[in-house]
Amino acid sequence: MTVEDWAEIRRLSRVEGMAIKAIARRLGVSRNAVRRALAREGLLHV
């Protein structure tokens, strides 16, 4: 996963309010990859 992917995940989550599943589908990555990206930024509260 590239730095741009990480930035796009954060943007889609924060700005667009998009769900993890929708982000994963749009970027072609796993839901767990999206969760990891958001958890690193402190955006995912598990």
N, C-alpha and C. Protein backbone atom coordinates (compact mmCIF):
# COMPACT_ATOMS: atom_id res chain seq x y z
N MET A 1 0.85 -1.18 0.00
CA MET A 1 0.00 0.00 0.00
C MET A 1 0.90 1.24 0.00
N THR A 2 0.55 2.19 -0.83
CA THR A 2 1.38 3.39 -0.96
C THR A 2 0.95 4.47 0.04
N VAL A 3 1.78 5.46 0.17
CA VAL A 3 1.47 6.59 1.04
C VAL A 3 0.19 7.29 0.55
N GLU A 4 0.05 7.34 -0.76
CA GLU A 4 -1.15 7.96 -1.34
C GLU A 4 -2.41 7.19 -0.95
N ASP A 5 -2.31 5.85 -0.89
CA ASP A 5 -3.45 5.03 -0.47
C ASP A 5 -3.84 5.35 0.97
N TRP A 6 -2.83 5.48 1.84
CA TRP A 6 -3.09 5.80 3.24
C TRP A 6 -3.78 7.14 3.36
N ALA A 7 -3.29 8.11 2.59
CA ALA A 7 -3.88 9.45 2.63
C ALA A 7 -5.32 9.42 2.12
N GLU A 8 -5.55 8.64 1.07
CA GLU A 8 -6.90 8.54 0.51
C GLU A 8 -7.85 7.86 1.49
N ILE A 9 -7.38 6.85 2.20
CA ILE A 9 -8.20 6.17 3.21
C ILE A 9 -8.60 7.17 4.29
N ARG A 10 -7.65 7.95 4.77
CA ARG A 10 -7.95 8.94 5.81
C ARG A 10 -8.94 9.98 5.29
N ARG A 11 -8.74 10.44 4.05
CA ARG A 11 -9.62 11.44 3.47
C ARG A 11 -11.04 10.91 3.30
N LEU A 12 -11.15 9.70 2.77
CA LEU A 12 -12.48 9.12 2.55
C LEU A 12 -13.21 8.92 3.86
N SER A 13 -12.46 8.54 4.89
CA SER A 13 -13.09 8.31 6.18
C SER A 13 -13.50 9.63 6.83
N ARG A 14 -12.57 10.59 6.88
CA ARG A 14 -12.83 11.86 7.56
C ARG A 14 -13.77 12.77 6.79
N VAL A 15 -13.42 13.06 5.56
CA VAL A 15 -14.15 14.07 4.79
C VAL A 15 -15.46 13.52 4.22
N GLU A 16 -15.37 12.35 3.60
CA GLU A 16 -16.54 11.77 2.94
C GLU A 16 -17.43 10.98 3.92
N GLY A 17 -16.88 10.61 5.07
CA GLY A 17 -17.64 9.82 6.03
C GLY A 17 -17.95 8.42 5.53
N MET A 18 -17.09 7.92 4.66
CA MET A 18 -17.30 6.63 4.02
C MET A 18 -17.01 5.47 4.98
N ALA A 19 -17.77 4.40 4.86
CA ALA A 19 -17.59 3.22 5.70
C ALA A 19 -16.35 2.43 5.27
N ILE A 20 -15.83 1.65 6.19
CA ILE A 20 -14.64 0.84 5.94
C ILE A 20 -14.84 -0.06 4.73
N LYS A 21 -15.97 -0.71 4.65
CA LYS A 21 -16.25 -1.64 3.55
C LYS A 21 -16.25 -0.91 2.21
N ALA A 22 -16.84 0.27 2.17
CA ALA A 22 -16.90 1.06 0.94
C ALA A 22 -15.50 1.55 0.52
N ILE A 23 -14.70 1.95 1.50
CA ILE A 23 -13.33 2.39 1.21
C ILE A 23 -12.53 1.22 0.64
N ALA A 24 -12.64 0.07 1.27
CA ALA A 24 -11.91 -1.12 0.82
C ALA A 24 -12.31 -1.48 -0.61
N ARG A 25 -13.58 -1.42 -0.90
CA ARG A 25 -14.08 -1.75 -2.23
C ARG A 25 -13.55 -0.76 -3.26
N ARG A 26 -13.60 0.52 -2.93
CA ARG A 26 -13.17 1.57 -3.86
C ARG A 26 -11.68 1.47 -4.18
N LEU A 27 -10.86 1.18 -3.15
CA LEU A 27 -9.41 1.15 -3.35
C LEU A 27 -8.87 -0.23 -3.70
N GLY A 28 -9.72 -1.25 -3.60
CA GLY A 28 -9.28 -2.61 -3.93
C GLY A 28 -8.33 -3.20 -2.91
N VAL A 29 -8.55 -2.84 -1.65
CA VAL A 29 -7.73 -3.39 -0.56
C VAL A 29 -8.66 -4.09 0.43
N SER A 30 -8.07 -4.83 1.36
CA SER A 30 -8.89 -5.54 2.34
C SER A 30 -9.45 -4.58 3.39
N ARG A 31 -10.54 -4.98 4.00
CA ARG A 31 -11.12 -4.17 5.08
C ARG A 31 -10.13 -4.05 6.23
N ASN A 32 -9.36 -5.12 6.48
CA ASN A 32 -8.38 -5.06 7.56
C ASN A 32 -7.29 -4.04 7.27
N ALA A 33 -6.91 -3.90 6.01
CA ALA A 33 -5.90 -2.89 5.65
C ALA A 33 -6.45 -1.50 5.93
N VAL A 34 -7.72 -1.29 5.62
CA VAL A 34 -8.35 0.01 5.91
C VAL A 34 -8.39 0.23 7.41
N ARG A 35 -8.77 -0.79 8.16
CA ARG A 35 -8.81 -0.67 9.63
C ARG A 35 -7.44 -0.32 10.19
N ARG A 36 -6.39 -0.99 9.68
CA ARG A 36 -5.03 -0.71 10.16
C ARG A 36 -4.64 0.73 9.87
N ALA A 37 -4.96 1.21 8.69
CA ALA A 37 -4.63 2.59 8.33
C ALA A 37 -5.33 3.58 9.26
N LEU A 38 -6.60 3.33 9.54
CA LEU A 38 -7.35 4.24 10.40
C LEU A 38 -6.90 4.12 11.86
N ALA A 39 -6.56 2.92 12.28
CA ALA A 39 -6.11 2.72 13.66
C ALA A 39 -4.78 3.44 13.90
N ARG A 40 -3.91 3.43 12.91
CA ARG A 40 -2.63 4.13 13.04
C ARG A 40 -2.81 5.62 13.23
N GLU A 41 -3.85 6.14 12.63
CA GLU A 41 -4.12 7.57 12.74
C GLU A 41 -5.01 7.89 13.93
N GLY A 42 -5.43 6.88 14.66
CA GLY A 42 -6.29 7.09 15.81
C GLY A 42 -7.73 7.42 15.42
N LEU A 43 -8.10 7.08 14.18
CA LEU A 43 -9.45 7.40 13.70
C LEU A 43 -10.43 6.26 13.92
N LEU A 44 -9.89 5.08 14.24
CA LEU A 44 -10.76 3.92 14.44
C LEU A 44 -10.77 3.58 15.92
N HIS A 45 -11.94 3.59 16.48
CA HIS A 45 -12.07 3.27 17.90
C HIS A 45 -12.66 1.88 18.02
N VAL A 46 -11.81 0.93 18.34
CA VAL A 46 -12.25 -0.46 18.40
C VAL A 46 -12.54 -0.90 19.80
